[in-house]
Protein backbone atom coordinates (compact mmCIF):
# COMPACT_ATOMS: atom_id res chain seq x y z
CA UNK A 1 0.00 0.00 0.00
CA UNK A 2 2.98 2.29 0.60
CA UNK A 3 3.94 2.18 -3.10
CA UNK A 4 0.48 3.39 -4.03
CA UNK A 5 0.94 6.72 -2.20
CA UNK A 6 4.43 7.21 -3.60
CA UNK A 7 3.13 6.59 -7.13
CA UNK A 8 0.19 8.94 -6.52
CA UNK A 9 2.53 11.68 -5.31
CA UNK A 10 4.90 11.25 -8.26
CA UNK A 11 1.99 11.43 -10.69
CA UNK A 12 0.66 14.67 -9.15
CA UNK A 13 3.98 16.54 -8.97
CA UNK A 14 4.21 17.38 -12.73
CA UNK A 15 0.64 18.66 -12.75
CA UNK A 16 1.22 20.89 -9.73
CA UNK A 17 4.49 22.25 -11.17
CA UNK A 18 2.86 23.05 -14.53
CA UNK A 19 -0.06 24.69 -12.76
CA UNK A 20 2.36 26.89 -10.81
CA UNK A 21 4.23 27.89 -13.98
CA UNK A 22 0.96 28.69 -15.75
CA UNK A 23 -0.26 30.75 -12.79
CA UNK A 24 2.89 32.89 -12.68
CA UNK A 25 2.93 33.28 -16.46
CA UNK A 26 -0.68 34.48 -16.60
CA UNK A 27 -0.16 36.78 -13.63
CA UNK A 28 2.86 38.35 -15.34
CA UNK A 29 0.98 38.86 -18.61
CA UNK A 30 -1.97 40.49 -16.84
CA UNK A 31 0.31 42.81 -14.84
CA UNK A 32 2.25 43.79 -17.97
CA UNK A 33 -0.99 44.57 -19.80
CA UNK A 34 -2.22 46.66 -16.89
CA UNK A 35 0.99 48.71 -16.72
CA UNK A 36 1.10 49.15 -20.50
CA UNK A 37 -2.48 50.46 -20.53
CA UNK A 38 -1.66 52.84 -17.67
CA UNK A 39 1.41 54.16 -19.52
CA UNK A 40 -0.57 54.53 -22.75
CA UNK A 41 -3.30 56.48 -20.95
CA UNK A 42 -0.70 58.80 -19.43
CA UNK A 43 0.88 59.46 -22.84
CA UNK A 44 -2.53 60.02 -24.38
CA UNK A 45 -3.44 62.53 -21.65
CA UNK A 46 -0.16 64.40 -22.18
CA UNK A 47 -0.74 64.57 -25.92
CA UNK A 48 -4.31 65.82 -25.44
CA UNK A 49 -3.01 68.50 -23.04
CA UNK A 50 -0.39 69.61 -25.58
CA UNK A 51 -3.08 70.07 -28.21
CA UNK A 52 -5.37 71.93 -25.81
CA UNK A 53 -8.05 69.25 -25.85
CA UNK A 54 -10.10 68.51 -22.73
CA UNK A 55 -9.15 65.40 -20.77
CA UNK A 56 -11.10 62.24 -21.39
CA UNK A 57 -13.76 61.41 -18.79
CA UNK A 58 -12.64 58.81 -16.25
CA UNK A 59 -13.65 55.23 -16.97
CA UNK A 60 -14.86 53.02 -14.13
CA UNK A 61 -12.20 50.55 -13.02
CA UNK A 62 -9.18 52.76 -13.65
PDB file of N, CA and C in Angstrom:
ATOM      1  N   UNK A   1       0.819  -1.193   0.000  1.00  0.00           N
ATOM      2  CA  UNK A   1       0.000   0.000   0.000  1.00  0.00           C
ATOM      3  C   UNK A   1       0.866   1.261   0.000  1.00  0.00           C
ATOM      4  N   UNK A   2       2.087   1.127   0.528  1.00  0.00           N
ATOM      5  CA  UNK A   2       2.977   2.286   0.597  1.00  0.00           C
ATOM      6  C   UNK A   2       3.371   2.743  -0.804  1.00  0.00           C
ATOM      7  N   UNK A   3       3.569   1.817  -1.732  1.00  0.00           N
ATOM      8  CA  UNK A   3       3.944   2.177  -3.096  1.00  0.00           C
ATOM      9  C   UNK A   3       2.830   2.936  -3.805  1.00  0.00           C
ATOM     10  N   UNK A   4       1.596   2.685  -3.430  1.00  0.00           N
ATOM     11  CA  UNK A   4       0.478   3.392  -4.033  1.00  0.00           C
ATOM     12  C   UNK A   4       0.583   4.893  -3.787  1.00  0.00           C
ATOM     13  N   UNK A   5       0.867   5.300  -2.541  1.00  0.00           N
ATOM     14  CA  UNK A   5       0.936   6.720  -2.203  1.00  0.00           C
ATOM     15  C   UNK A   5       2.144   7.384  -2.843  1.00  0.00           C
ATOM     16  N   UNK A   6       3.245   6.660  -2.936  1.00  0.00           N
ATOM     17  CA  UNK A   6       4.431   7.212  -3.600  1.00  0.00           C
ATOM     18  C   UNK A   6       4.131   7.426  -5.080  1.00  0.00           C
ATOM     19  N   UNK A   7       3.482   6.459  -5.718  1.00  0.00           N
ATOM     20  CA  UNK A   7       3.127   6.590  -7.128  1.00  0.00           C
ATOM     21  C   UNK A   7       2.122   7.724  -7.324  1.00  0.00           C
ATOM     22  N   UNK A   8       1.175   7.865  -6.411  1.00  0.00           N
ATOM     23  CA  UNK A   8       0.192   8.940  -6.521  1.00  0.00           C
ATOM     24  C   UNK A   8       0.871  10.305  -6.396  1.00  0.00           C
ATOM     25  N   UNK A   9       1.805  10.417  -5.482  1.00  0.00           N
ATOM     26  CA  UNK A   9       2.528  11.675  -5.307  1.00  0.00           C
ATOM     27  C   UNK A   9       3.352  12.006  -6.548  1.00  0.00           C
ATOM     28  N   UNK A  10       4.081  11.018  -7.073  1.00  0.00           N
ATOM     29  CA  UNK A  10       4.898  11.254  -8.260  1.00  0.00           C
ATOM     30  C   UNK A  10       4.046  11.588  -9.485  1.00  0.00           C
ATOM     31  N   UNK A  11       2.841  11.116  -9.540  1.00  0.00           N
ATOM     32  CA  UNK A  11       1.987  11.432 -10.687  1.00  0.00           C
ATOM     33  C   UNK A  11       1.369  12.820 -10.562  1.00  0.00           C
ATOM     34  N   UNK A  12       1.237  13.337  -9.347  1.00  0.00           N
ATOM     35  CA  UNK A  12       0.663  14.667  -9.153  1.00  0.00           C
ATOM     36  C   UNK A  12       1.690  15.787  -9.245  1.00  0.00           C
ATOM     37  N   UNK A  13       2.940  15.501  -8.989  1.00  0.00           N
ATOM     38  CA  UNK A  13       3.979  16.538  -8.975  1.00  0.00           C
ATOM     39  C   UNK A  13       4.071  17.282 -10.314  1.00  0.00           C
ATOM     40  N   UNK A  14       4.130  16.621 -11.470  1.00  0.00           N
ATOM     41  CA  UNK A  14       4.215  17.383 -12.732  1.00  0.00           C
ATOM     42  C   UNK A  14       3.008  18.295 -12.958  1.00  0.00           C
ATOM     43  N   UNK A  15       1.838  17.845 -12.579  1.00  0.00           N
ATOM     44  CA  UNK A  15       0.638  18.658 -12.753  1.00  0.00           C
ATOM     45  C   UNK A  15       0.703  19.908 -11.886  1.00  0.00           C
ATOM     46  N   UNK A  16       1.130  19.756 -10.654  1.00  0.00           N
ATOM     47  CA  UNK A  16       1.222  20.890  -9.731  1.00  0.00           C
ATOM     48  C   UNK A  16       2.291  21.875 -10.209  1.00  0.00           C
ATOM     49  N   UNK A  17       3.418  21.374 -10.680  1.00  0.00           N
ATOM     50  CA  UNK A  17       4.485  22.245 -11.175  1.00  0.00           C
ATOM     51  C   UNK A  17       4.007  23.024 -12.400  1.00  0.00           C
ATOM     52  N   UNK A  18       3.366  22.361 -13.340  1.00  0.00           N
ATOM     53  CA  UNK A  18       2.862  23.046 -14.529  1.00  0.00           C
ATOM     54  C   UNK A  18       1.783  24.063 -14.167  1.00  0.00           C
ATOM     55  N   UNK A  19       0.949  23.748 -13.211  1.00  0.00           N
ATOM     56  CA  UNK A  19      -0.064  24.690 -12.756  1.00  0.00           C
ATOM     57  C   UNK A  19       0.590  25.938 -12.163  1.00  0.00           C
ATOM     58  N   UNK A  20       1.644  25.752 -11.387  1.00  0.00           N
ATOM     59  CA  UNK A  20       2.361  26.887 -10.811  1.00  0.00           C
ATOM     60  C   UNK A  20       2.996  27.756 -11.881  1.00  0.00           C
ATOM     61  N   UNK A  21       3.621  27.126 -12.881  1.00  0.00           N
ATOM     62  CA  UNK A  21       4.228  27.888 -13.977  1.00  0.00           C
ATOM     63  C   UNK A  21       3.160  28.669 -14.741  1.00  0.00           C
ATOM     64  N   UNK A  22       2.042  28.028 -15.039  1.00  0.00           N
ATOM     65  CA  UNK A  22       0.958  28.690 -15.754  1.00  0.00           C
ATOM     66  C   UNK A  22       0.409  29.867 -14.942  1.00  0.00           C
ATOM     67  N   UNK A  23       0.244  29.683 -13.649  1.00  0.00           N
ATOM     68  CA  UNK A  23      -0.261  30.750 -12.794  1.00  0.00           C
ATOM     69  C   UNK A  23       0.654  31.971 -12.851  1.00  0.00           C
ATOM     70  N   UNK A  24       1.960  31.764 -12.671  1.00  0.00           N
ATOM     71  CA  UNK A  24       2.893  32.887 -12.680  1.00  0.00           C
ATOM     72  C   UNK A  24       2.996  33.531 -14.058  1.00  0.00           C
ATOM     73  N   UNK A  25       2.897  32.742 -15.110  1.00  0.00           N
ATOM     74  CA  UNK A  25       2.929  33.278 -16.462  1.00  0.00           C
ATOM     75  C   UNK A  25       1.710  34.163 -16.728  1.00  0.00           C
ATOM     76  N   UNK A  26       0.532  33.686 -16.386  1.00  0.00           N
ATOM     77  CA  UNK A  26      -0.679  34.480 -16.603  1.00  0.00           C
ATOM     78  C   UNK A  26      -0.690  35.733 -15.732  1.00  0.00           C
ATOM     79  N   UNK A  27      -0.218  35.613 -14.511  1.00  0.00           N
ATOM     80  CA  UNK A  27      -0.158  36.779 -13.630  1.00  0.00           C
ATOM     81  C   UNK A  27       0.778  37.839 -14.195  1.00  0.00           C
ATOM     82  N   UNK A  28       1.907  37.416 -14.744  1.00  0.00           N
ATOM     83  CA  UNK A  28       2.858  38.352 -15.345  1.00  0.00           C
ATOM     84  C   UNK A  28       2.266  39.041 -16.562  1.00  0.00           C
ATOM     85  N   UNK A  29       1.592  38.283 -17.410  1.00  0.00           N
ATOM     86  CA  UNK A  29       0.982  38.859 -18.612  1.00  0.00           C
ATOM     87  C   UNK A  29      -0.085  39.884 -18.226  1.00  0.00           C
ATOM     88  N   UNK A  30      -0.911  39.561 -17.256  1.00  0.00           N
ATOM     89  CA  UNK A  30      -1.970  40.491 -16.837  1.00  0.00           C
ATOM     90  C   UNK A  30      -1.372  41.753 -16.232  1.00  0.00           C
ATOM     91  N   UNK A  31      -0.332  41.628 -15.423  1.00  0.00           N
ATOM     92  CA  UNK A  31       0.308  42.807 -14.844  1.00  0.00           C
ATOM     93  C   UNK A  31       0.975  43.656 -15.917  1.00  0.00           C
ATOM     94  N   UNK A  32       1.616  43.032 -16.892  1.00  0.00           N
ATOM     95  CA  UNK A  32       2.253  43.788 -17.973  1.00  0.00           C
ATOM     96  C   UNK A  32       1.205  44.544 -18.773  1.00  0.00           C
ATOM     97  N   UNK A  33       0.080  43.915 -19.054  1.00  0.00           N
ATOM     98  CA  UNK A  33      -0.986  44.566 -19.801  1.00  0.00           C
ATOM     99  C   UNK A  33      -1.528  45.763 -19.025  1.00  0.00           C
ATOM    100  N   UNK A  34      -1.708  45.576 -17.722  1.00  0.00           N
ATOM    101  CA  UNK A  34      -2.223  46.661 -16.890  1.00  0.00           C
ATOM    102  C   UNK A  34      -1.271  47.847 -16.897  1.00  0.00           C
ATOM    103  N   UNK A  35       0.042  47.597 -16.738  1.00  0.00           N
ATOM    104  CA  UNK A  35       0.988  48.710 -16.718  1.00  0.00           C
ATOM    105  C   UNK A  35       1.125  49.359 -18.093  1.00  0.00           C
ATOM    106  N   UNK A  36       1.024  48.573 -19.155  1.00  0.00           N
ATOM    107  CA  UNK A  36       1.097  49.147 -20.496  1.00  0.00           C
ATOM    108  C   UNK A  36      -0.111  50.049 -20.758  1.00  0.00           C
ATOM    109  N   UNK A  37      -1.289  49.620 -20.346  1.00  0.00           N
ATOM    110  CA  UNK A  37      -2.482  50.456 -20.530  1.00  0.00           C
ATOM    111  C   UNK A  37      -2.373  51.740 -19.721  1.00  0.00           C
ATOM    112  N   UNK A  38      -1.830  51.655 -18.508  1.00  0.00           N
ATOM    113  CA  UNK A  38      -1.656  52.843 -17.667  1.00  0.00           C
ATOM    114  C   UNK A  38      -0.681  53.822 -18.325  1.00  0.00           C
ATOM    115  N   UNK A  39       0.432  53.308 -18.853  1.00  0.00           N
ATOM    116  CA  UNK A  39       1.410  54.164 -19.520  1.00  0.00           C
ATOM    117  C   UNK A  39       0.811  54.788 -20.781  1.00  0.00           C
ATOM    118  N   UNK A  40       0.059  54.010 -21.540  1.00  0.00           N
ATOM    119  CA  UNK A  40      -0.565  54.534 -22.754  1.00  0.00           C
ATOM    120  C   UNK A  40      -1.567  55.628 -22.411  1.00  0.00           C
ATOM    121  N   UNK A  41      -2.338  55.459 -21.361  1.00  0.00           N
ATOM    122  CA  UNK A  41      -3.301  56.481 -20.946  1.00  0.00           C
ATOM    123  C   UNK A  41      -2.596  57.767 -20.537  1.00  0.00           C
ATOM    124  N   UNK A  42      -1.468  57.623 -19.852  1.00  0.00           N
ATOM    125  CA  UNK A  42      -0.702  58.799 -19.429  1.00  0.00           C
ATOM    126  C   UNK A  42      -0.171  59.546 -20.644  1.00  0.00           C
ATOM    127  N   UNK A  43       0.377  58.834 -21.617  1.00  0.00           N
ATOM    128  CA  UNK A  43       0.884  59.461 -22.835  1.00  0.00           C
ATOM    129  C   UNK A  43      -0.251  60.134 -23.594  1.00  0.00           C
ATOM    130  N   UNK A  44      -1.381  59.452 -23.674  1.00  0.00           N
ATOM    131  CA  UNK A  44      -2.531  60.015 -24.377  1.00  0.00           C
ATOM    132  C   UNK A  44      -3.005  61.300 -23.691  1.00  0.00           C
ATOM    133  N   UNK A  45      -3.030  61.326 -22.371  1.00  0.00           N
ATOM    134  CA  UNK A  45      -3.441  62.526 -21.646  1.00  0.00           C
ATOM    135  C   UNK A  45      -2.455  63.669 -21.884  1.00  0.00           C
ATOM    136  N   UNK A  46      -1.162  63.363 -21.915  1.00  0.00           N
ATOM    137  CA  UNK A  46      -0.161  64.396 -22.176  1.00  0.00           C
ATOM    138  C   UNK A  46      -0.324  64.973 -23.583  1.00  0.00           C
ATOM    139  N   UNK A  47      -0.563  64.105 -24.548  1.00  0.00           N
ATOM    140  CA  UNK A  47      -0.743  64.571 -25.921  1.00  0.00           C
ATOM    141  C   UNK A  47      -2.011  65.422 -26.061  1.00  0.00           C
ATOM    142  N   UNK A  48      -3.078  65.018 -25.387  1.00  0.00           N
ATOM    143  CA  UNK A  48      -4.311  65.818 -25.437  1.00  0.00           C
ATOM    144  C   UNK A  48      -4.076  67.184 -24.794  1.00  0.00           C
ATOM    145  N   UNK A  49      -3.308  67.228 -23.706  1.00  0.00           N
ATOM    146  CA  UNK A  49      -3.014  68.501 -23.039  1.00  0.00           C
ATOM    147  C   UNK A  49      -2.168  69.397 -23.941  1.00  0.00           C
ATOM    148  N   UNK A  50      -1.217  68.829 -24.671  1.00  0.00           N
ATOM    149  CA  UNK A  50      -0.385  69.613 -25.584  1.00  0.00           C
ATOM    150  C   UNK A  50      -1.231  70.270 -26.668  1.00  0.00           C
ATOM    151  N   UNK A  51      -2.240  69.566 -27.127  1.00  0.00           N
ATOM    152  CA  UNK A  51      -3.084  70.074 -28.208  1.00  0.00           C
ATOM    153  C   UNK A  51      -4.218  70.955 -27.689  1.00  0.00           C
ATOM    154  N   UNK A  52      -4.336  71.098 -26.386  1.00  0.00           N
ATOM    155  CA  UNK A  52      -5.368  71.934 -25.813  1.00  0.00           C
ATOM    156  C   UNK A  52      -6.731  71.278 -25.781  1.00  0.00           C
ATOM    157  N   UNK A  53      -6.779  69.969 -25.891  1.00  0.00           N
ATOM    158  CA  UNK A  53      -8.048  69.246 -25.848  1.00  0.00           C
ATOM    159  C   UNK A  53      -8.427  68.946 -24.400  1.00  0.00           C
ATOM    160  N   UNK A  54      -9.700  68.845 -24.116  1.00  0.00           N
ATOM    161  CA  UNK A  54     -10.098  68.507 -22.735  1.00  0.00           C
ATOM    162  C   UNK A  54      -9.726  67.064 -22.413  1.00  0.00           C
ATOM    163  N   UNK A  55      -9.475  66.781 -21.139  1.00  0.00           N
ATOM    164  CA  UNK A  55      -9.147  65.397 -20.768  1.00  0.00           C
ATOM    165  C   UNK A  55     -10.349  64.478 -20.978  1.00  0.00           C
ATOM    166  N   UNK A  56     -10.048  63.224 -21.227  1.00  0.00           N
ATOM    167  CA  UNK A  56     -11.102  62.236 -21.386  1.00  0.00           C
ATOM    168  C   UNK A  56     -11.793  61.992 -20.052  1.00  0.00           C
ATOM    169  N   UNK A  57     -13.091  61.707 -20.066  1.00  0.00           N
ATOM    170  CA  UNK A  57     -13.761  61.408 -18.793  1.00  0.00           C
ATOM    171  C   UNK A  57     -13.222  60.106 -18.204  1.00  0.00           C
ATOM    172  N   UNK A  58     -13.158  60.041 -16.872  1.00  0.00           N
ATOM    173  CA  UNK A  58     -12.636  58.808 -16.250  1.00  0.00           C
ATOM    174  C   UNK A  58     -13.557  57.609 -16.533  1.00  0.00           C
ATOM    175  N   UNK A  59     -12.926  56.475 -16.715  1.00  0.00           N
ATOM    176  CA  UNK A  59     -13.646  55.228 -16.966  1.00  0.00           C
ATOM    177  C   UNK A  59     -13.646  54.414 -15.678  1.00  0.00           C
ATOM    178  N   UNK A  60     -14.770  53.813 -15.347  1.00  0.00           N
ATOM    179  CA  UNK A  60     -14.863  53.017 -14.126  1.00  0.00           C
ATOM    180  C   UNK A  60     -13.851  51.868 -14.185  1.00  0.00           C
ATOM    181  N   UNK A  61     -13.161  51.644 -13.089  1.00  0.00           N
ATOM    182  CA  UNK A  61     -12.204  50.554 -13.017  1.00  0.00           C
ATOM    183  C   UNK A  61     -10.777  50.990 -13.210  1.00  0.00           C
ATOM    184  N   UNK A  62     -10.553  52.276 -13.478  1.00  0.00           N
ATOM    185  CA  UNK A  62      -9.180  52.759 -13.649  1.00  0.00           C
ATOM    186  C   UNK A  62      -8.656  53.311 -12.367  1.00  0.00           C
TER     187      UNK A  62
END
